[in-house]
C-alpha atoms as a PDB file:
ATOM      1  CA  UNK A   1      35.533 -40.077 -39.893  1.00  0.00           C
ATOM      2  CA  UNK A   2      31.692 -39.603 -40.587  1.00  0.00           C
ATOM      3  CA  UNK A   3      29.331 -38.484 -37.250  1.00  0.00           C
ATOM      4  CA  UNK A   4      27.045 -41.297 -36.332  1.00  0.00           C
ATOM      5  CA  UNK A   5      23.844 -39.659 -36.962  1.00  0.00           C
ATOM      6  CA  UNK A   6      21.457 -39.482 -33.496  1.00  0.00           C
ATOM      7  CA  UNK A   7      18.831 -42.240 -32.962  1.00  0.00           C
ATOM      8  CA  UNK A   8      15.503 -41.527 -32.941  1.00  0.00           C
ATOM      9  CA  UNK A   9      15.451 -41.372 -29.390  1.00  0.00           C
ATOM     10  CA  UNK A  10      18.334 -38.657 -28.722  1.00  0.00           C
ATOM     11  CA  UNK A  11      16.878 -36.906 -31.583  1.00  0.00           C
ATOM     12  CA  UNK A  12      13.412 -36.567 -29.805  1.00  0.00           C
ATOM     13  CA  UNK A  13      15.162 -35.864 -26.458  1.00  0.00           C
ATOM     14  CA  UNK A  14      16.684 -33.250 -27.800  1.00  0.00           C
ATOM     15  CA  UNK A  15      13.946 -31.414 -29.289  1.00  0.00           C
ATOM     16  CA  UNK A  16      11.532 -31.672 -25.900  1.00  0.00           C
ATOM     17  CA  UNK A  17      14.808 -30.398 -24.174  1.00  0.00           C
ATOM     18  CA  UNK A  18      14.640 -27.385 -26.326  1.00  0.00           C
ATOM     19  CA  UNK A  19      10.868 -26.797 -26.475  1.00  0.00           C
ATOM     20  CA  UNK A  20      11.005 -26.856 -22.365  1.00  0.00           C
ATOM     21  CA  UNK A  21      13.807 -24.234 -21.713  1.00  0.00           C
ATOM     22  CA  UNK A  22      11.952 -22.322 -24.785  1.00  0.00           C
ATOM     23  CA  UNK A  23       8.667 -22.413 -22.891  1.00  0.00           C
ATOM     24  CA  UNK A  24      10.488 -22.041 -19.105  1.00  0.00           C
ATOM     25  CA  UNK A  25      11.892 -18.819 -21.167  1.00  0.00           C
ATOM     26  CA  UNK A  26       8.786 -17.759 -22.802  1.00  0.00           C
ATOM     27  CA  UNK A  27       6.650 -18.273 -19.315  1.00  0.00           C
ATOM     28  CA  UNK A  28       9.391 -15.937 -16.987  1.00  0.00           C
ATOM     29  CA  UNK A  29       9.312 -13.408 -20.032  1.00  0.00           C
ATOM     30  CA  UNK A  30       5.046 -13.031 -19.428  1.00  0.00           C
ATOM     31  CA  UNK A  31       5.240 -13.491 -15.881  1.00  0.00           C
ATOM     32  CA  UNK A  32       7.703 -10.398 -15.784  1.00  0.00           C
ATOM     33  CA  UNK A  33       5.452  -8.226 -18.175  1.00  0.00           C
ATOM     34  CA  UNK A  34       2.344  -9.273 -16.251  1.00  0.00           C
ATOM     35  CA  UNK A  35       1.460  -6.132 -14.707  1.00  0.00           C
ATOM     36  CA  UNK A  36      -2.057  -5.428 -12.753  1.00  0.00           C
ATOM     37  CA  UNK A  37      -3.707  -3.055 -10.863  1.00  0.00           C
ATOM     38  CA  UNK A  38      -5.161  -3.742  -7.592  1.00  0.00           C
ATOM     39  CA  UNK A  39      -7.104  -1.559  -4.890  1.00  0.00           C
ATOM     40  CA  UNK A  40      -5.458  -2.906  -1.307  1.00  0.00           C
ATOM     41  CA  UNK A  41      -7.460  -2.009   2.038  1.00  0.00           C
ATOM     42  CA  UNK A  42      -5.412  -2.584   5.761  1.00  0.00           C
ATOM     43  CA  UNK A  43      -7.248  -2.715   8.863  1.00  0.00           C
ATOM     44  CA  UNK A  44      -4.535  -2.310  11.926  1.00  0.00           C
ATOM     45  CA  UNK A  45      -6.094  -2.760  15.704  1.00  0.00           C
ATOM     46  CA  UNK A  46      -4.906  -4.269  18.956  1.00  0.00           C
ATOM     47  CA  UNK A  47      -6.503  -6.165  21.168  1.00  0.00           C
ATOM     48  CA  UNK A  48      -7.197  -4.721  24.211  1.00  0.00           C
ATOM     49  CA  UNK A  49      -5.632  -5.661  27.783  1.00  0.00           C
ATOM     50  CA  UNK A  50      -8.525  -7.186  28.657  1.00  0.00           C
ATOM     51  CA  UNK A  51      -8.101 -10.074  25.741  1.00  0.00           C
ATOM     52  CA  UNK A  52      -6.094 -12.543  27.910  1.00  0.00           C
ATOM     53  CA  UNK A  53      -2.510 -14.229  26.820  1.00  0.00           C
ATOM     54  CA  UNK A  54      -0.289 -17.076  27.524  1.00  0.00           C
ATOM     55  CA  UNK A  55       2.403 -15.814  25.408  1.00  0.00           C
ATOM     56  CA  UNK A  56       5.180 -13.566  26.996  1.00  0.00           C
ATOM     57  CA  UNK A  57       7.103 -10.947  25.303  1.00  0.00           C
ATOM     58  CA  UNK A  58      10.729  -9.607  26.248  1.00  0.00           C
ATOM     59  CA  UNK A  59      10.994  -6.911  28.708  1.00  0.00           C
ATOM     60  CA  UNK A  60      13.240  -3.869  27.338  1.00  0.00           C
ATOM     61  CA  UNK A  61      13.597  -5.865  23.787  1.00  0.00           C
ATOM     62  CA  UNK A  62      16.569  -4.775  21.372  1.00  0.00           C
ATOM     63  CA  UNK A  63      16.112  -2.721  18.484  1.00  0.00           C
ATOM     64  CA  UNK A  64      15.295  -3.671  15.244  1.00  0.00           C
ATOM     65  CA  UNK A  65      14.902  -2.884  11.514  1.00  0.00           C
ATOM     66  CA  UNK A  66      12.368  -3.596   8.962  1.00  0.00           C
ATOM     67  CA  UNK A  67      11.955  -2.879   5.083  1.00  0.00           C
ATOM     68  CA  UNK A  68      11.811   0.405   4.168  1.00  0.00           C
ATOM     69  CA  UNK A  69       8.561   1.010   2.220  1.00  0.00           C
ATOM     70  CA  UNK A  70       6.389   3.934  -0.025  1.00  0.00           C
ATOM     71  CA  UNK A  71       4.741   6.451   1.979  1.00  0.00           C
ATOM     72  CA  UNK A  72       1.002   7.100   0.981  1.00  0.00           C
ATOM     73  CA  UNK A  73       0.213  10.455  -0.379  1.00  0.00           C
ATOM     74  CA  UNK A  74      -2.499  12.158   1.432  1.00  0.00           C
ATOM     75  CA  UNK A  75      -5.645  13.290  -0.341  1.00  0.00           C
ATOM     76  CA  UNK A  76      -7.562  16.583   0.415  1.00  0.00           C
ATOM     77  CA  UNK A  77     -10.727  17.071  -1.341  1.00  0.00           C
ATOM     78  CA  UNK A  78     -10.845  20.475  -1.191  1.00  0.00           C
ATOM     79  CA  UNK A  79      -7.400  21.189  -3.147  1.00  0.00           C
ATOM     80  CA  UNK A  80      -6.493  17.605  -4.659  1.00  0.00           C
ATOM     81  CA  UNK A  81      -7.155  16.625  -8.383  1.00  0.00           C
ATOM     82  CA  UNK A  82     -10.009  13.740  -8.372  1.00  0.00           C
ATOM     83  CA  UNK A  83      -8.706  12.492 -11.656  1.00  0.00           C
ATOM     84  CA  UNK A  84      -5.149  10.869  -9.784  1.00  0.00           C
ATOM     85  CA  UNK A  85      -7.753   8.728  -7.599  1.00  0.00           C
ATOM     86  CA  UNK A  86      -8.188   6.981 -11.153  1.00  0.00           C
ATOM     87  CA  UNK A  87      -4.976   7.289 -12.311  1.00  0.00           C
ATOM     88  CA  UNK A  88      -2.095   7.446  -9.612  1.00  0.00           C
ATOM     89  CA  UNK A  89      -0.920   4.758  -7.449  1.00  0.00           C
ATOM     90  CA  UNK A  90       0.022   5.113  -3.482  1.00  0.00           C
ATOM     91  CA  UNK A  91      -2.621   7.919  -2.987  1.00  0.00           C
ATOM     92  CA  UNK A  92      -4.534   7.480   0.005  1.00  0.00           C
ATOM     93  CA  UNK A  93      -8.431   6.891  -1.104  1.00  0.00           C
ATOM     94  CA  UNK A  94     -11.078   9.044   0.841  1.00  0.00           C
ATOM     95  CA  UNK A  95     -13.238   6.640   2.873  1.00  0.00           C
ATOM     96  CA  UNK A  96     -16.016   6.925   0.725  1.00  0.00           C
ATOM     97  CA  UNK A  97     -13.926   4.967  -2.002  1.00  0.00           C
ATOM     98  CA  UNK A  98     -12.979   2.143   0.930  1.00  0.00           C
ATOM     99  CA  UNK A  99     -14.520  -1.431   0.585  1.00  0.00           C
ATOM    100  CA  UNK A 100     -14.072  -2.012   4.874  1.00  0.00           C
ATOM    101  CA  UNK A 101     -16.020   0.596   6.346  1.00  0.00           C
ATOM    102  CA  UNK A 102     -18.409  -1.642   7.556  1.00  0.00           C
ATOM    103  CA  UNK A 103     -15.859  -3.781   9.041  1.00  0.00           C
ATOM    104  CA  UNK A 104     -13.488  -0.894  10.843  1.00  0.00           C
ATOM    105  CA  UNK A 105     -16.521   0.079  12.607  1.00  0.00           C
ATOM    106  CA  UNK A 106     -17.172  -3.492  13.600  1.00  0.00           C
ATOM    107  CA  UNK A 107     -13.930  -3.025  15.326  1.00  0.00           C
ATOM    108  CA  UNK A 108     -15.005   0.569  16.660  1.00  0.00           C
ATOM    109  CA  UNK A 109     -17.828  -0.558  18.436  1.00  0.00           C
ATOM    110  CA  UNK A 110     -16.510  -3.382  20.367  1.00  0.00           C
ATOM    111  CA  UNK A 111     -14.276  -1.919  23.474  1.00  0.00           C
ATOM    112  CA  UNK A 112     -11.714  -5.482  23.163  1.00  0.00           C
ATOM    113  CA  UNK A 113     -10.336  -3.506  19.984  1.00  0.00           C
ATOM    114  CA  UNK A 114      -8.860  -0.126  19.155  1.00  0.00           C
ATOM    115  CA  UNK A 115      -8.223   0.428  15.620  1.00  0.00           C
ATOM    116  CA  UNK A 116      -4.364   2.152  14.706  1.00  0.00           C
ATOM    117  CA  UNK A 117      -4.865   2.253  11.378  1.00  0.00           C
ATOM    118  CA  UNK A 118      -7.371   2.125   8.221  1.00  0.00           C
ATOM    119  CA  UNK A 119      -6.104   3.094   4.891  1.00  0.00           C
ATOM    120  CA  UNK A 120      -6.998   1.823   1.341  1.00  0.00           C
ATOM    121  CA  UNK A 121      -4.774   2.568  -1.998  1.00  0.00           C
ATOM    122  CA  UNK A 122      -4.119   1.062  -5.578  1.00  0.00           C
ATOM    123  CA  UNK A 123      -0.783   0.278  -7.006  1.00  0.00           C
ATOM    124  CA  UNK A 124       0.355  -1.878  -9.577  1.00  0.00           C
ATOM    125  CA  UNK A 125       1.824  -5.497  -8.718  1.00  0.00           C
ATOM    126  CA  UNK A 126       4.000  -7.315 -11.296  1.00  0.00           C
ATOM    127  CA  UNK A 127       3.905 -10.979 -11.493  1.00  0.00           C
ATOM    128  CA  UNK A 128       7.826 -11.358 -10.792  1.00  0.00           C
ATOM    129  CA  UNK A 129       7.117 -11.738  -7.013  1.00  0.00           C
ATOM    130  CA  UNK A 130       9.028  -8.647  -6.237  1.00  0.00           C
ATOM    131  CA  UNK A 131       7.999  -7.231  -2.859  1.00  0.00           C
ATOM    132  CA  UNK A 132       5.927  -3.350  -2.290  1.00  0.00           C
ATOM    133  CA  UNK A 133       6.649  -2.693   0.641  1.00  0.00           C
ATOM    134  CA  UNK A 134       4.661   0.017   2.030  1.00  0.00           C
ATOM    135  CA  UNK A 135       5.330   2.386   5.305  1.00  0.00           C
ATOM    136  CA  UNK A 136       3.218   1.767   8.574  1.00  0.00           C
ATOM    137  CA  UNK A 137       3.471   4.065  11.048  1.00  0.00           C
ATOM    138  CA  UNK A 138       0.468   5.313  13.503  1.00  0.00           C
ATOM    139  CA  UNK A 139      -0.174   6.611  17.149  1.00  0.00           C
ATOM    140  CA  UNK A 140       2.157   8.484  19.506  1.00  0.00           C
ATOM    141  CA  UNK A 141       5.554   8.746  19.729  1.00  0.00           C
ATOM    142  CA  UNK A 142       7.848   8.137  22.044  1.00  0.00           C
ATOM    143  CA  UNK A 143      12.175   8.510  22.127  1.00  0.00           C
ATOM    144  CA  UNK A 144      12.127   7.975  17.775  1.00  0.00           C
ATOM    145  CA  UNK A 145       9.218   5.400  17.681  1.00  0.00           C
ATOM    146  CA  UNK A 146       5.770   5.384  17.254  1.00  0.00           C
ATOM    147  CA  UNK A 147       3.449   3.339  19.063  1.00  0.00           C
ATOM    148  CA  UNK A 148       2.454   0.981  15.527  1.00  0.00           C
ATOM    149  CA  UNK A 149       5.729   0.948  13.094  1.00  0.00           C
ATOM    150  CA  UNK A 150       7.044  -1.199  10.653  1.00  0.00           C
ATOM    151  CA  UNK A 151       5.886  -2.155   7.463  1.00  0.00           C
ATOM    152  CA  UNK A 152       3.218  -4.188   4.878  1.00  0.00           C
ATOM    153  CA  UNK A 153       4.687  -5.915   1.626  1.00  0.00           C
ATOM    154  CA  UNK A 154       2.355  -7.145  -1.378  1.00  0.00           C
ATOM    155  CA  UNK A 155       3.937  -9.226  -3.744  1.00  0.00           C
ATOM    156  CA  UNK A 156       2.421 -11.084  -6.874  1.00  0.00           C
ATOM    157  CA  UNK A 157       3.499 -14.392  -8.496  1.00  0.00           C
ATOM    158  CA  UNK A 158       1.150 -17.410  -9.150  1.00  0.00           C
ATOM    159  CA  UNK A 159      -1.101 -16.029  -5.856  1.00  0.00           C
ATOM    160  CA  UNK A 160      -0.915 -12.685  -4.456  1.00  0.00           C
ATOM    161  CA  UNK A 161       0.957 -12.262  -0.632  1.00  0.00           C
ATOM    162  CA  UNK A 162       0.763  -9.966   2.233  1.00  0.00           C
ATOM    163  CA  UNK A 163       3.838  -9.627   4.322  1.00  0.00           C
ATOM    164  CA  UNK A 164       3.708  -8.347   7.685  1.00  0.00           C
ATOM    165  CA  UNK A 165       6.672  -6.903   9.423  1.00  0.00           C
ATOM    166  CA  UNK A 166       4.533  -4.914  12.444  1.00  0.00           C
ATOM    167  CA  UNK A 167       5.430  -3.612  15.320  1.00  0.00           C
ATOM    168  CA  UNK A 168       3.252  -2.465  18.252  1.00  0.00           C
ATOM    169  CA  UNK A 169       5.445  -0.541  20.973  1.00  0.00           C
ATOM    170  CA  UNK A 170       4.526  -0.482  24.776  1.00  0.00           C
ATOM    171  CA  UNK A 171       6.409   2.885  25.559  1.00  0.00           C
ATOM    172  CA  UNK A 172       7.571   3.710  29.704  1.00  0.00           C
ATOM    173  CA  UNK A 173       4.670   5.256  31.875  1.00  0.00           C
ATOM    174  CA  UNK A 174       5.103   8.962  32.162  1.00  0.00           C
ATOM    175  CA  UNK A 175       4.355  10.357  35.287  1.00  0.00           C
ATOM    176  CA  UNK A 176       4.343  14.314  36.511  1.00  0.00           C
ATOM    177  CA  UNK A 177       7.903  15.099  37.331  1.00  0.00           C
ATOM    178  CA  UNK A 178       6.619  18.601  39.047  1.00  0.00           C
ATOM    179  CA  UNK A 179       5.082  15.633  42.150  1.00  0.00           C
ATOM    180  CA  UNK A 180       8.598  14.151  42.314  1.00  0.00           C
ATOM    181  CA  UNK A 181      11.469  14.962  44.582  1.00  0.00           C
ATOM    182  CA  UNK A 182      14.318  16.697  43.325  1.00  0.00           C
ATOM    183  CA  UNK A 183      16.832  13.842  43.142  1.00  0.00           C
ATOM    184  CA  UNK A 184      13.852  11.729  41.632  1.00  0.00           C
ATOM    185  CA  UNK A 185      13.152  14.312  38.879  1.00  0.00           C
ATOM    186  CA  UNK A 186      16.830  14.513  38.532  1.00  0.00           C
ATOM    187  CA  UNK A 187      16.659  10.563  37.820  1.00  0.00           C
ATOM    188  CA  UNK A 188      13.505  11.241  35.462  1.00  0.00           C
ATOM    189  CA  UNK A 189      15.469  13.740  33.922  1.00  0.00           C
ATOM    190  CA  UNK A 190      18.381  10.963  32.572  1.00  0.00           C
ATOM    191  CA  UNK A 191      16.559   8.488  31.710  1.00  0.00           C
ATOM    192  CA  UNK A 192      14.559  10.749  29.394  1.00  0.00           C
ATOM    193  CA  UNK A 193      17.264  10.661  27.278  1.00  0.00           C
ATOM    194  CA  UNK A 194      17.468   6.756  26.789  1.00  0.00           C
ATOM    195  CA  UNK A 195      15.266   5.594  24.071  1.00  0.00           C
ATOM    196  CA  UNK A 196      13.456   3.044  25.808  1.00  0.00           C
ATOM    197  CA  UNK A 197      10.465   0.245  24.555  1.00  0.00           C
ATOM    198  CA  UNK A 198       9.197  -1.744  27.378  1.00  0.00           C
ATOM    199  CA  UNK A 199       7.930  -4.282  25.191  1.00  0.00           C
ATOM    200  CA  UNK A 200       7.058  -4.856  21.373  1.00  0.00           C
ATOM    201  CA  UNK A 201       4.635  -7.175  20.152  1.00  0.00           C
ATOM    202  CA  UNK A 202       5.826  -7.994  16.514  1.00  0.00           C
ATOM    203  CA  UNK A 203       3.253  -9.555  13.940  1.00  0.00           C
ATOM    204  CA  UNK A 204       5.185 -10.967  11.375  1.00  0.00           C
ATOM    205  CA  UNK A 205       4.012 -13.252   8.617  1.00  0.00           C
ATOM    206  CA  UNK A 206       3.367 -13.982   4.804  1.00  0.00           C
ATOM    207  CA  UNK A 207       0.396 -14.916   3.664  1.00  0.00           C
ATOM    208  CA  UNK A 208      -0.850 -16.319   0.398  1.00  0.00           C
ATOM    209  CA  UNK A 209      -3.787 -14.510  -0.474  1.00  0.00           C
ATOM    210  CA  UNK A 210      -7.192 -14.757  -2.793  1.00  0.00           C
ATOM    211  CA  UNK A 211      -8.263 -11.650  -4.420  1.00  0.00           C
ATOM    212  CA  UNK A 212     -11.823 -10.394  -3.768  1.00  0.00           C
ATOM    213  CA  UNK A 213     -11.555 -12.217  -0.663  1.00  0.00           C
ATOM    214  CA  UNK A 214     -11.237 -10.728   3.334  1.00  0.00           C
ATOM    215  CA  UNK A 215      -7.926 -11.984   4.934  1.00  0.00           C
ATOM    216  CA  UNK A 216      -7.362 -12.360   8.559  1.00  0.00           C
ATOM    217  CA  UNK A 217      -4.113 -12.533  10.147  1.00  0.00           C
ATOM    218  CA  UNK A 218      -4.031 -13.014  13.825  1.00  0.00           C
ATOM    219  CA  UNK A 219      -1.742 -12.042  16.524  1.00  0.00           C
ATOM    220  CA  UNK A 220      -2.233 -11.861  20.513  1.00  0.00           C
ATOM    221  CA  UNK A 221      -1.961  -8.317  20.410  1.00  0.00           C
ATOM    222  CA  UNK A 222      -2.772  -7.043  16.733  1.00  0.00           C
ATOM    223  CA  UNK A 223      -5.517  -7.991  14.021  1.00  0.00           C
ATOM    224  CA  UNK A 224      -4.554  -7.287  10.656  1.00  0.00           C
ATOM    225  CA  UNK A 225      -7.607  -7.342   7.889  1.00  0.00           C
ATOM    226  CA  UNK A 226      -6.549  -7.319   4.400  1.00  0.00           C
ATOM    227  CA  UNK A 227      -8.376  -7.118   1.560  1.00  0.00           C
ATOM    228  CA  UNK A 228      -7.103  -6.909  -2.365  1.00  0.00           C
ATOM    229  CA  UNK A 229      -9.402  -6.416  -5.440  1.00  0.00           C
ATOM    230  CA  UNK A 230      -8.551  -5.847  -9.036  1.00  0.00           C
ATOM    231  CA  UNK A 231      -9.036  -2.336 -10.242  1.00  0.00           C
ATOM    232  CA  UNK A 232      -9.227  -1.048 -13.989  1.00  0.00           C
ATOM    233  CA  UNK A 233      -7.617   2.887 -14.076  1.00  0.00           C
ATOM    234  CA  UNK A 234      -9.873   5.356 -16.028  1.00  0.00           C
ATOM    235  CA  UNK A 235      -8.360   6.166 -19.228  1.00  0.00           C
ATOM    236  CA  UNK A 236      -7.160   9.809 -18.652  1.00  0.00           C
ATOM    237  CA  UNK A 237      -8.996  12.495 -21.044  1.00  0.00           C
ATOM    238  CA  UNK A 238      -7.173  14.989 -22.161  1.00  0.00           C
ATOM    239  CA  UNK A 239      -9.571  18.023 -23.794  1.00  0.00           C
ATOM    240  CA  UNK A 240      -7.411  19.812 -26.265  1.00  0.00           C
ATOM    241  CA  UNK A 241      -8.633  23.620 -27.084  1.00  0.00           C
ATOM    242  CA  UNK A 242      -9.834  23.419 -30.455  1.00  0.00           C
ATOM    243  CA  UNK A 243      -9.212  26.791 -32.340  1.00  0.00           C
ATOM    244  CA  UNK A 244     -11.155  27.790 -35.517  1.00  0.00           C
ATOM    245  CA  UNK A 245      -9.377  29.798 -38.374  1.00  0.00           C
ATOM    246  CA  UNK A 246     -11.197  31.645 -40.182  1.00  0.00           C
ATOM    247  CA  UNK A 247     -10.996  31.602 -44.026  1.00  0.00           C
ATOM    248  CA  UNK A 248     -11.815  33.924 -46.498  1.00  0.00           C
ATOM    249  CA  UNK A 249     -15.091  32.084 -46.923  1.00  0.00           C
ATOM    250  CA  UNK A 250     -16.058  32.708 -43.319  1.00  0.00           C
ATOM    251  CA  UNK A 251     -15.155  36.221 -43.159  1.00  0.00           C
ATOM    252  CA  UNK A 252     -18.132  38.446 -42.613  1.00  0.00           C
ATOM    253  CA  UNK A 253     -19.339  40.749 -45.643  1.00  0.00           C
ATOM    254  CA  UNK A 254     -19.136  43.901 -44.331  1.00  0.00           C
ATOM    255  CA  UNK A 255     -21.798  46.310 -46.200  1.00  0.00           C
ATOM    256  CA  UNK A 256     -22.329  49.904 -46.712  1.00  0.00           C
ATOM    257  CA  UNK A 257     -26.039  50.797 -46.083  1.00  0.00           C
ATOM    258  CA  UNK A 258     -25.100  54.698 -47.105  1.00  0.00           C
ATOM    259  CA  UNK A 259     -23.747  53.504 -50.525  1.00  0.00           C
ATOM    260  CA  UNK A 260     -27.544  51.521 -51.023  1.00  0.00           C
ATOM    261  CA  UNK A 261     -29.488  54.310 -49.974  1.00  0.00           C
ATOM    262  CA  UNK A 262     -27.836  56.750 -52.845  1.00  0.00           C
ATOM    263  CA  UNK A 263     -28.504  53.951 -55.421  1.00  0.00           C
ATOM    264  CA  UNK A 264     -32.232  53.996 -54.319  1.00  0.00           C
END
């Protein structure tokens, strides 16, 4: 039996389907390969106790977990190579290369806030929406916890996104054990073995961002400022050691002056 030919409308629909599938595949491939360097800067501050809030927080909250992130590498201007700042990811930039020094100074001057962290670094973000997590730790420690701990994530699709999983821990008040009677000191010693966070204030958000704009994430106890700008890494310049080999024509000729004197 001879196959019935496709109608014009059926053929048009088939070609359109193939075109749309191919276009989607090519767009996905281009997005996968989309890599852009950015300089990222964050300021994390906590609000003072004088700022009132109506929100309540659990006493002695349960333990939690968050995504483990990259640790920023420290930069020592006395011993580190400055060229690494131009071409290497995840290096904590020195203060003179940060963008938000004025903003952090404004927070320092305001008694209602305490700056816990101010960092800037450079990294590559791919256009596949994969989240790049950065490890965050700051402040005092108690029973295995930091006063500020968690991670910040950054991703890129059609837009840039910041993902925050930050936790501000309030530790138990510690008194001088020498002022307590023996029984109370014994109780305090036993309690010191219990890893306790009295209260935890968590900033868990996802925010769409635009590059070159300062973004502000608010919370009753925490403040997060984020700015991301495109960055063009410097091309590494390799200075090759040039060795010139002497040719016979370049070899200097030795003249015996004593022979010249005899001939004269």
